């Protein structure tokens, strides 16, 4: 029997994966805030945060950003879209996108692409 906290955590990760794909495909216009995600999972923001922290050791935003970055990396490596196009797909202004990517990975999107393209 799965504990409720494990179930909430699993639902959160399942929701993130689908939601990020929906943003990439254009089905959804914007990334939801943690508040909205908690609402969609029928738990409070605080309960979602506390539960994911307890189960996984880090704040839910850490995993949210991490999953977005993984998708960005895949697109940088596997597509010929410009960095500005990729930024728009992920609903970022291109300059903020580069800052976010560099903060998360230590390199700019361009540097990452150059190092990982074959």
N, C-alpha and C. Protein backbone atom coordinates (compact mmCIF):
# COMPACT_ATOMS: atom_id res chain seq x y z
N UNK A 1 0.85 -1.20 0.00
CA UNK A 1 0.00 0.00 0.00
C UNK A 1 0.89 1.25 0.00
N UNK A 2 0.64 2.14 -0.93
CA UNK A 2 1.45 3.35 -1.03
C UNK A 2 0.98 4.39 -0.01
N UNK A 3 1.94 5.01 0.65
CA UNK A 3 1.59 6.09 1.57
C UNK A 3 1.03 7.27 0.77
N UNK A 4 0.17 8.05 1.42
CA UNK A 4 -0.43 9.22 0.78
C UNK A 4 0.67 10.18 0.29
N UNK A 5 1.73 10.34 1.09
CA UNK A 5 2.80 11.28 0.70
C UNK A 5 3.50 10.78 -0.58
N UNK A 6 3.67 9.47 -0.71
CA UNK A 6 4.29 8.91 -1.92
C UNK A 6 3.37 9.10 -3.12
N UNK A 7 2.07 8.94 -2.87
CA UNK A 7 1.09 9.11 -3.94
C UNK A 7 1.08 10.55 -4.44
N UNK A 8 1.07 11.51 -3.52
CA UNK A 8 1.09 12.93 -3.90
C UNK A 8 2.36 13.24 -4.69
N UNK A 9 3.49 12.72 -4.22
CA UNK A 9 4.76 12.97 -4.91
C UNK A 9 4.73 12.37 -6.31
N UNK A 10 4.23 11.14 -6.42
CA UNK A 10 4.14 10.51 -7.73
C UNK A 10 3.22 11.29 -8.66
N UNK A 11 2.09 11.73 -8.13
CA UNK A 11 1.14 12.53 -8.93
C UNK A 11 1.78 13.83 -9.39
N UNK A 12 2.56 14.44 -8.53
CA UNK A 12 3.25 15.68 -8.88
C UNK A 12 4.18 15.46 -10.07
N UNK A 13 5.00 14.41 -10.01
CA UNK A 13 5.95 14.13 -11.10
C UNK A 13 5.24 13.75 -12.39
N UNK A 14 4.17 12.98 -12.29
CA UNK A 14 3.38 12.61 -13.47
C UNK A 14 2.77 13.87 -14.08
N UNK A 15 2.24 14.73 -13.23
CA UNK A 15 1.63 15.97 -13.69
C UNK A 15 2.67 16.85 -14.39
N UNK A 16 3.86 16.98 -13.78
CA UNK A 16 4.92 17.81 -14.39
C UNK A 16 5.27 17.32 -15.78
N UNK A 17 5.48 16.01 -15.93
CA UNK A 17 5.86 15.46 -17.23
C UNK A 17 4.83 15.80 -18.29
N UNK A 18 3.56 15.59 -17.97
CA UNK A 18 2.50 15.87 -18.93
C UNK A 18 2.40 17.37 -19.19
N UNK A 19 2.44 18.15 -18.14
CA UNK A 19 2.29 19.61 -18.26
C UNK A 19 3.42 20.20 -19.13
N UNK A 20 4.65 19.77 -18.91
CA UNK A 20 5.78 20.29 -19.70
C UNK A 20 5.59 19.90 -21.17
N UNK A 21 5.16 18.68 -21.44
CA UNK A 21 4.89 18.27 -22.82
C UNK A 21 3.77 19.11 -23.44
N UNK A 22 2.75 19.44 -22.64
CA UNK A 22 1.65 20.27 -23.13
C UNK A 22 2.13 21.67 -23.50
N UNK A 23 3.06 22.21 -22.72
CA UNK A 23 3.62 23.54 -23.02
C UNK A 23 4.45 23.45 -24.31
N UNK A 24 5.30 22.42 -24.41
CA UNK A 24 6.15 22.25 -25.60
C UNK A 24 5.30 22.12 -26.86
N UNK A 25 4.22 21.35 -26.77
CA UNK A 25 3.37 21.12 -27.95
C UNK A 25 2.47 22.31 -28.26
N UNK A 26 2.40 23.25 -27.32
CA UNK A 26 1.55 24.43 -27.53
C UNK A 26 0.11 24.23 -27.09
N UNK A 27 -0.20 23.06 -26.51
CA UNK A 27 -1.55 22.77 -26.02
C UNK A 27 -1.88 23.73 -24.88
N UNK A 28 -0.87 24.03 -24.06
CA UNK A 28 -1.01 24.96 -22.95
C UNK A 28 -0.08 26.13 -23.23
N UNK A 29 -0.55 27.35 -22.95
CA UNK A 29 0.20 28.55 -23.32
C UNK A 29 1.35 28.87 -22.39
N UNK A 30 1.22 28.49 -21.13
CA UNK A 30 2.18 28.93 -20.12
C UNK A 30 2.40 27.88 -19.06
N UNK A 31 3.57 27.92 -18.43
CA UNK A 31 3.81 27.04 -17.30
C UNK A 31 2.96 27.47 -16.12
N UNK A 32 2.37 26.51 -15.44
CA UNK A 32 1.57 26.78 -14.25
C UNK A 32 2.50 27.06 -13.08
N UNK A 33 2.03 27.88 -12.16
CA UNK A 33 2.75 28.07 -10.92
C UNK A 33 2.50 26.88 -10.00
N UNK A 34 3.32 26.76 -8.98
CA UNK A 34 3.19 25.66 -8.03
C UNK A 34 1.81 25.67 -7.36
N UNK A 35 1.31 26.88 -7.09
CA UNK A 35 -0.03 27.04 -6.53
C UNK A 35 -1.09 26.36 -7.38
N UNK A 36 -1.03 26.62 -8.69
CA UNK A 36 -2.00 26.06 -9.63
C UNK A 36 -1.85 24.54 -9.72
N UNK A 37 -0.61 24.06 -9.71
CA UNK A 37 -0.38 22.62 -9.77
C UNK A 37 -0.95 21.96 -8.51
N UNK A 38 -0.68 22.55 -7.35
CA UNK A 38 -1.23 22.02 -6.10
C UNK A 38 -2.75 21.94 -6.20
N UNK A 39 -3.36 23.00 -6.73
CA UNK A 39 -4.82 23.03 -6.91
C UNK A 39 -5.30 21.91 -7.81
N UNK A 40 -4.57 21.68 -8.90
CA UNK A 40 -4.93 20.61 -9.84
C UNK A 40 -4.82 19.23 -9.17
N UNK A 41 -3.91 19.11 -8.21
CA UNK A 41 -3.73 17.85 -7.48
C UNK A 41 -4.61 17.78 -6.22
N UNK A 42 -5.39 18.84 -6.02
CA UNK A 42 -6.32 18.91 -4.88
C UNK A 42 -5.62 18.86 -3.52
N UNK A 43 -4.46 19.52 -3.45
CA UNK A 43 -3.78 19.69 -2.15
C UNK A 43 -3.38 21.17 -2.04
N UNK A 44 -3.04 21.59 -0.83
CA UNK A 44 -2.61 22.98 -0.66
C UNK A 44 -1.16 23.12 -1.14
N UNK A 45 -0.80 24.34 -1.44
CA UNK A 45 0.57 24.66 -1.86
C UNK A 45 1.56 24.18 -0.80
N UNK A 46 1.25 24.50 0.45
CA UNK A 46 2.13 24.13 1.56
C UNK A 46 2.25 22.61 1.70
N UNK A 47 1.12 21.93 1.58
CA UNK A 47 1.13 20.47 1.72
C UNK A 47 1.95 19.83 0.59
N UNK A 48 1.77 20.34 -0.63
CA UNK A 48 2.55 19.81 -1.77
C UNK A 48 4.05 20.03 -1.52
N UNK A 49 4.41 21.24 -1.13
CA UNK A 49 5.82 21.58 -0.88
C UNK A 49 6.40 20.70 0.23
N UNK A 50 5.69 20.61 1.35
CA UNK A 50 6.18 19.82 2.49
C UNK A 50 6.31 18.35 2.12
N UNK A 51 5.34 17.83 1.38
CA UNK A 51 5.32 16.41 1.02
C UNK A 51 6.47 16.06 0.08
N UNK A 52 6.65 16.85 -0.98
CA UNK A 52 7.73 16.57 -1.93
C UNK A 52 9.09 16.72 -1.25
N UNK A 53 9.21 17.75 -0.41
CA UNK A 53 10.47 17.93 0.34
C UNK A 53 10.77 16.71 1.22
N UNK A 54 9.74 16.23 1.91
CA UNK A 54 9.91 15.10 2.82
C UNK A 54 10.28 13.84 2.02
N UNK A 55 9.60 13.61 0.89
CA UNK A 55 9.81 12.38 0.11
C UNK A 55 11.11 12.43 -0.71
N UNK A 56 11.45 13.61 -1.23
CA UNK A 56 12.53 13.70 -2.21
C UNK A 56 13.74 14.52 -1.75
N UNK A 57 13.58 15.23 -0.63
CA UNK A 57 14.70 15.97 -0.07
C UNK A 57 14.93 17.36 -0.64
N UNK A 58 14.12 17.75 -1.62
CA UNK A 58 14.27 19.09 -2.20
C UNK A 58 12.90 19.69 -2.50
N UNK A 59 12.89 21.01 -2.65
CA UNK A 59 11.67 21.76 -2.97
C UNK A 59 11.11 21.32 -4.32
N UNK A 60 9.78 21.29 -4.47
CA UNK A 60 9.19 20.90 -5.76
C UNK A 60 9.71 21.71 -6.95
N UNK A 61 10.01 22.99 -6.74
CA UNK A 61 10.51 23.83 -7.84
C UNK A 61 11.83 23.32 -8.40
N UNK A 62 12.64 22.73 -7.54
CA UNK A 62 13.92 22.16 -7.97
C UNK A 62 13.68 21.12 -9.07
N UNK A 63 12.68 20.27 -8.86
CA UNK A 63 12.39 19.20 -9.81
C UNK A 63 11.69 19.75 -11.06
N UNK A 64 10.83 20.74 -10.86
CA UNK A 64 10.12 21.40 -11.96
C UNK A 64 11.15 22.01 -12.91
N UNK A 65 12.04 22.84 -12.37
CA UNK A 65 13.09 23.47 -13.18
C UNK A 65 13.97 22.41 -13.84
N UNK A 66 14.31 21.38 -13.08
CA UNK A 66 15.18 20.32 -13.60
C UNK A 66 14.56 19.61 -14.78
N UNK A 67 13.26 19.33 -14.70
CA UNK A 67 12.58 18.65 -15.80
C UNK A 67 12.49 19.57 -17.02
N UNK A 68 12.26 20.85 -16.79
CA UNK A 68 12.23 21.80 -17.92
C UNK A 68 13.60 21.83 -18.59
N UNK A 69 14.66 21.93 -17.79
CA UNK A 69 16.02 21.97 -18.33
C UNK A 69 16.34 20.70 -19.13
N UNK A 70 15.91 19.54 -18.64
CA UNK A 70 16.15 18.28 -19.39
C UNK A 70 15.52 18.34 -20.77
N UNK A 71 14.30 18.87 -20.83
CA UNK A 71 13.60 18.99 -22.12
C UNK A 71 14.30 20.01 -23.03
N UNK A 72 14.74 21.11 -22.43
CA UNK A 72 15.48 22.13 -23.20
C UNK A 72 16.75 21.51 -23.78
N UNK A 73 17.49 20.77 -22.95
CA UNK A 73 18.73 20.13 -23.41
C UNK A 73 18.46 19.21 -24.60
N UNK A 74 17.40 18.40 -24.49
CA UNK A 74 17.05 17.49 -25.58
C UNK A 74 16.80 18.28 -26.86
N UNK A 75 16.07 19.38 -26.73
CA UNK A 75 15.75 20.18 -27.92
C UNK A 75 16.99 20.86 -28.48
N UNK A 76 17.89 21.33 -27.62
CA UNK A 76 19.13 21.96 -28.09
C UNK A 76 19.97 20.95 -28.88
N UNK A 77 20.00 19.70 -28.39
CA UNK A 77 20.82 18.68 -29.03
C UNK A 77 20.15 18.12 -30.29
N UNK A 78 18.84 17.88 -30.21
CA UNK A 78 18.16 17.10 -31.25
C UNK A 78 17.39 17.91 -32.27
N UNK A 79 17.40 19.23 -32.16
CA UNK A 79 16.67 20.02 -33.15
C UNK A 79 17.57 21.12 -33.71
N UNK A 80 17.16 21.65 -34.82
CA UNK A 80 17.91 22.76 -35.42
C UNK A 80 17.24 24.09 -35.13
N UNK A 81 16.29 24.09 -34.22
CA UNK A 81 15.63 25.34 -33.86
C UNK A 81 16.64 26.30 -33.24
N UNK A 82 16.45 27.59 -33.50
CA UNK A 82 17.34 28.58 -32.89
C UNK A 82 17.07 28.63 -31.39
N UNK A 83 18.04 29.18 -30.66
CA UNK A 83 17.90 29.30 -29.21
C UNK A 83 16.72 30.20 -28.88
N UNK A 84 16.52 31.25 -29.68
CA UNK A 84 15.37 32.14 -29.46
C UNK A 84 14.05 31.38 -29.66
N UNK A 85 13.99 30.52 -30.67
CA UNK A 85 12.77 29.72 -30.90
C UNK A 85 12.53 28.79 -29.72
N UNK A 86 13.59 28.13 -29.27
CA UNK A 86 13.47 27.22 -28.13
C UNK A 86 13.00 27.99 -26.89
N UNK A 87 13.57 29.16 -26.68
CA UNK A 87 13.15 30.00 -25.55
C UNK A 87 11.65 30.26 -25.62
N UNK A 88 11.16 30.61 -26.82
CA UNK A 88 9.73 30.89 -26.98
C UNK A 88 8.88 29.65 -26.73
N UNK A 89 9.33 28.50 -27.21
CA UNK A 89 8.59 27.25 -26.96
C UNK A 89 8.41 27.04 -25.46
N UNK A 90 9.46 27.35 -24.70
CA UNK A 90 9.41 27.18 -23.24
C UNK A 90 8.91 28.44 -22.53
N UNK A 91 8.28 29.32 -23.30
CA UNK A 91 7.61 30.54 -22.82
C UNK A 91 8.54 31.52 -22.13
N UNK A 92 9.80 31.53 -22.52
CA UNK A 92 10.76 32.47 -21.96
C UNK A 92 11.08 33.57 -22.95
N UNK A 93 11.37 34.74 -22.42
CA UNK A 93 12.02 35.78 -23.18
C UNK A 93 13.45 35.28 -23.39
N UNK A 94 14.02 35.39 -24.62
CA UNK A 94 15.34 34.80 -24.88
C UNK A 94 16.45 35.19 -23.90
N UNK A 95 16.49 36.45 -23.42
CA UNK A 95 17.57 36.82 -22.50
C UNK A 95 17.39 36.18 -21.12
N UNK A 96 16.14 36.13 -20.66
CA UNK A 96 15.86 35.45 -19.38
C UNK A 96 16.13 33.95 -19.50
N UNK A 97 15.82 33.40 -20.66
CA UNK A 97 16.02 31.98 -20.92
C UNK A 97 17.50 31.62 -20.77
N UNK A 98 18.37 32.42 -21.37
CA UNK A 98 19.81 32.15 -21.27
C UNK A 98 20.29 32.23 -19.83
N UNK A 99 19.79 33.21 -19.09
CA UNK A 99 20.16 33.34 -17.66
C UNK A 99 19.71 32.13 -16.86
N UNK A 100 18.46 31.73 -17.07
CA UNK A 100 17.89 30.56 -16.37
C UNK A 100 18.71 29.31 -16.71
N UNK A 101 19.00 29.12 -17.99
CA UNK A 101 19.74 27.93 -18.41
C UNK A 101 21.14 27.92 -17.80
N UNK A 102 21.79 29.07 -17.83
CA UNK A 102 23.15 29.14 -17.29
C UNK A 102 23.15 28.91 -15.77
N UNK A 103 22.16 29.48 -15.08
CA UNK A 103 22.05 29.29 -13.63
C UNK A 103 21.89 27.80 -13.31
N UNK A 104 21.10 27.10 -14.13
CA UNK A 104 20.80 25.69 -13.87
C UNK A 104 21.92 24.74 -14.31
N UNK A 105 22.67 25.12 -15.34
CA UNK A 105 23.62 24.16 -15.93
C UNK A 105 25.08 24.61 -15.89
N UNK A 106 25.30 25.91 -15.67
CA UNK A 106 26.67 26.42 -15.67
C UNK A 106 27.16 26.83 -17.04
N UNK A 107 26.37 26.59 -18.08
CA UNK A 107 26.77 27.06 -19.41
C UNK A 107 25.57 27.71 -20.10
N UNK A 108 25.84 28.50 -21.12
CA UNK A 108 24.75 29.12 -21.88
C UNK A 108 24.16 28.06 -22.82
N UNK A 109 22.95 28.29 -23.33
CA UNK A 109 22.37 27.34 -24.28
C UNK A 109 23.28 27.11 -25.50
N UNK A 110 23.90 28.17 -25.98
CA UNK A 110 24.80 28.05 -27.13
C UNK A 110 26.02 27.19 -26.83
N UNK A 111 26.62 27.42 -25.68
CA UNK A 111 27.79 26.61 -25.27
C UNK A 111 27.39 25.15 -25.12
N UNK A 112 26.24 24.93 -24.49
CA UNK A 112 25.76 23.56 -24.29
C UNK A 112 25.56 22.87 -25.64
N UNK A 113 24.91 23.57 -26.57
CA UNK A 113 24.64 22.99 -27.88
C UNK A 113 25.95 22.67 -28.60
N UNK A 114 26.89 23.60 -28.56
CA UNK A 114 28.17 23.38 -29.26
C UNK A 114 28.94 22.19 -28.71
N UNK A 115 28.85 21.98 -27.42
CA UNK A 115 29.56 20.86 -26.78
C UNK A 115 28.89 19.52 -26.99
N UNK A 116 27.61 19.52 -27.34
CA UNK A 116 26.86 18.28 -27.37
C UNK A 116 26.33 17.88 -28.74
N UNK A 117 26.56 18.72 -29.72
CA UNK A 117 26.12 18.39 -31.10
C UNK A 117 27.20 17.52 -31.74
N UNK A 118 26.75 16.56 -32.50
CA UNK A 118 27.72 15.69 -33.18
C UNK A 118 27.69 15.91 -34.68
